[in-house]
């Protein structure tokens, strides 16, 4: 996957997106040399081409995992509220 800096992406956005759309090009977007995101083609179903799972299903799975292991009598919201005081 080719790396592209934020500045270059900004200057050549139309050309880069055309390559993604028409040629299936993939880019890792960098900021000060560090990866911050990816530009990848979207497949016919509308999901990202290298997406391996449904993010909402992953959230539900993690929620259930946290719920199953929760040991406090207080809710997470109550604990966060107390921490903010």
C-alpha atoms as a PDB file:
ATOM      1  CA  UNK A   1       0.000   0.000   0.000  1.00  0.00           C
ATOM      2  CA  UNK A   2       1.485   3.308  -1.076  1.00  0.00           C
ATOM      3  CA  UNK A   3       1.970   6.036   1.537  1.00  0.00           C
ATOM      4  CA  UNK A   4       0.771   9.561   0.888  1.00  0.00           C
ATOM      5  CA  UNK A   5       1.177  12.613   3.090  1.00  0.00           C
ATOM      6  CA  UNK A   6      -1.761  14.754   4.166  1.00  0.00           C
ATOM      7  CA  UNK A   7      -0.407  17.744   2.228  1.00  0.00           C
ATOM      8  CA  UNK A   8      -0.029  15.756  -0.987  1.00  0.00           C
ATOM      9  CA  UNK A   9      -3.527  14.307  -0.515  1.00  0.00           C
ATOM     10  CA  UNK A  10      -4.929  17.809  -0.141  1.00  0.00           C
ATOM     11  CA  UNK A  11      -3.152  19.075  -3.251  1.00  0.00           C
ATOM     12  CA  UNK A  12      -4.048  16.094  -5.459  1.00  0.00           C
ATOM     13  CA  UNK A  13      -7.314  14.831  -3.943  1.00  0.00           C
ATOM     14  CA  UNK A  14      -9.238  14.506  -7.225  1.00  0.00           C
ATOM     15  CA  UNK A  15      -6.457  12.614  -8.971  1.00  0.00           C
ATOM     16  CA  UNK A  16      -5.857  10.319  -6.000  1.00  0.00           C
ATOM     17  CA  UNK A  17      -9.556   9.526  -5.565  1.00  0.00           C
ATOM     18  CA  UNK A  18      -9.823   8.802  -9.298  1.00  0.00           C
ATOM     19  CA  UNK A  19      -7.027   6.242  -8.941  1.00  0.00           C
ATOM     20  CA  UNK A  20      -8.795   4.665  -5.957  1.00  0.00           C
ATOM     21  CA  UNK A  21     -12.109   4.543  -7.822  1.00  0.00           C
ATOM     22  CA  UNK A  22     -10.897   3.478 -11.267  1.00  0.00           C
ATOM     23  CA  UNK A  23      -7.696   1.540 -10.592  1.00  0.00           C
ATOM     24  CA  UNK A  24      -8.351   0.171  -7.111  1.00  0.00           C
ATOM     25  CA  UNK A  25      -5.349   2.055  -5.728  1.00  0.00           C
ATOM     26  CA  UNK A  26      -4.823   1.910  -1.967  1.00  0.00           C
ATOM     27  CA  UNK A  27      -3.075   4.515   0.151  1.00  0.00           C
ATOM     28  CA  UNK A  28      -1.921   4.850   3.723  1.00  0.00           C
ATOM     29  CA  UNK A  29      -2.351   8.511   4.653  1.00  0.00           C
ATOM     30  CA  UNK A  30       0.426   9.905   6.850  1.00  0.00           C
ATOM     31  CA  UNK A  31       0.815  12.980   9.038  1.00  0.00           C
ATOM     32  CA  UNK A  32       4.412  13.896   9.859  1.00  0.00           C
ATOM     33  CA  UNK A  33       5.413  10.462   8.571  1.00  0.00           C
ATOM     34  CA  UNK A  34       3.052   8.525  10.853  1.00  0.00           C
ATOM     35  CA  UNK A  35       0.058   6.575   9.490  1.00  0.00           C
ATOM     36  CA  UNK A  36      -3.307   8.170  10.348  1.00  0.00           C
ATOM     37  CA  UNK A  37      -5.739   6.545   7.916  1.00  0.00           C
ATOM     38  CA  UNK A  38      -6.320   4.589   4.750  1.00  0.00           C
ATOM     39  CA  UNK A  39      -7.923   5.249   1.390  1.00  0.00           C
ATOM     40  CA  UNK A  40      -9.247   2.023  -0.076  1.00  0.00           C
ATOM     41  CA  UNK A  41     -11.818   1.142  -2.743  1.00  0.00           C
ATOM     42  CA  UNK A  42     -15.370   0.335  -1.726  1.00  0.00           C
ATOM     43  CA  UNK A  43     -16.768  -2.910  -3.134  1.00  0.00           C
ATOM     44  CA  UNK A  44     -20.123  -3.318  -4.832  1.00  0.00           C
ATOM     45  CA  UNK A  45     -21.983  -4.000  -1.565  1.00  0.00           C
ATOM     46  CA  UNK A  46     -20.808  -0.665  -0.195  1.00  0.00           C
ATOM     47  CA  UNK A  47     -18.447  -2.110   2.433  1.00  0.00           C
ATOM     48  CA  UNK A  48     -14.754  -1.307   2.504  1.00  0.00           C
ATOM     49  CA  UNK A  49     -12.816  -3.822   0.443  1.00  0.00           C
ATOM     50  CA  UNK A  50     -10.622  -5.087   3.277  1.00  0.00           C
ATOM     51  CA  UNK A  51     -13.229  -4.769   6.026  1.00  0.00           C
ATOM     52  CA  UNK A  52     -13.428  -8.119   7.806  1.00  0.00           C
ATOM     53  CA  UNK A  53     -16.293  -7.525  10.207  1.00  0.00           C
ATOM     54  CA  UNK A  54     -19.293  -5.370  10.944  1.00  0.00           C
ATOM     55  CA  UNK A  55     -18.217  -2.618  13.389  1.00  0.00           C
ATOM     56  CA  UNK A  56     -21.637  -2.611  15.077  1.00  0.00           C
ATOM     57  CA  UNK A  57     -21.476  -6.361  15.667  1.00  0.00           C
ATOM     58  CA  UNK A  58     -17.999  -5.896  17.123  1.00  0.00           C
ATOM     59  CA  UNK A  59     -19.365  -3.212  19.489  1.00  0.00           C
ATOM     60  CA  UNK A  60     -22.181  -5.545  20.583  1.00  0.00           C
ATOM     61  CA  UNK A  61     -19.682  -8.363  21.175  1.00  0.00           C
ATOM     62  CA  UNK A  62     -17.421  -6.108  23.249  1.00  0.00           C
ATOM     63  CA  UNK A  63     -20.404  -4.768  25.203  1.00  0.00           C
ATOM     64  CA  UNK A  64     -21.467  -8.306  26.085  1.00  0.00           C
ATOM     65  CA  UNK A  65     -17.902  -9.203  27.079  1.00  0.00           C
ATOM     66  CA  UNK A  66     -17.696  -6.176  29.406  1.00  0.00           C
ATOM     67  CA  UNK A  67     -21.137  -6.911  30.836  1.00  0.00           C
ATOM     68  CA  UNK A  68     -20.226 -10.536  31.565  1.00  0.00           C
ATOM     69  CA  UNK A  69     -17.093  -9.517  33.452  1.00  0.00           C
ATOM     70  CA  UNK A  70     -18.523  -6.473  35.270  1.00  0.00           C
ATOM     71  CA  UNK A  71     -17.924  -6.778  39.011  1.00  0.00           C
ATOM     72  CA  UNK A  72     -18.877  -3.371  40.399  1.00  0.00           C
ATOM     73  CA  UNK A  73     -22.265  -2.592  41.883  1.00  0.00           C
ATOM     74  CA  UNK A  74     -22.086   0.793  40.136  1.00  0.00           C
ATOM     75  CA  UNK A  75     -22.616   1.268  36.432  1.00  0.00           C
ATOM     76  CA  UNK A  76     -19.840   2.487  34.185  1.00  0.00           C
ATOM     77  CA  UNK A  77     -21.708   5.773  33.793  1.00  0.00           C
ATOM     78  CA  UNK A  78     -21.823   6.247  37.578  1.00  0.00           C
ATOM     79  CA  UNK A  79     -18.105   5.552  37.881  1.00  0.00           C
ATOM     80  CA  UNK A  80     -17.267   8.025  35.092  1.00  0.00           C
ATOM     81  CA  UNK A  81     -19.498  10.689  36.674  1.00  0.00           C
ATOM     82  CA  UNK A  82     -17.669  10.296  39.986  1.00  0.00           C
ATOM     83  CA  UNK A  83     -14.292  10.551  38.267  1.00  0.00           C
ATOM     84  CA  UNK A  84     -15.277  13.851  36.642  1.00  0.00           C
ATOM     85  CA  UNK A  85     -16.118  15.532  39.929  1.00  0.00           C
END
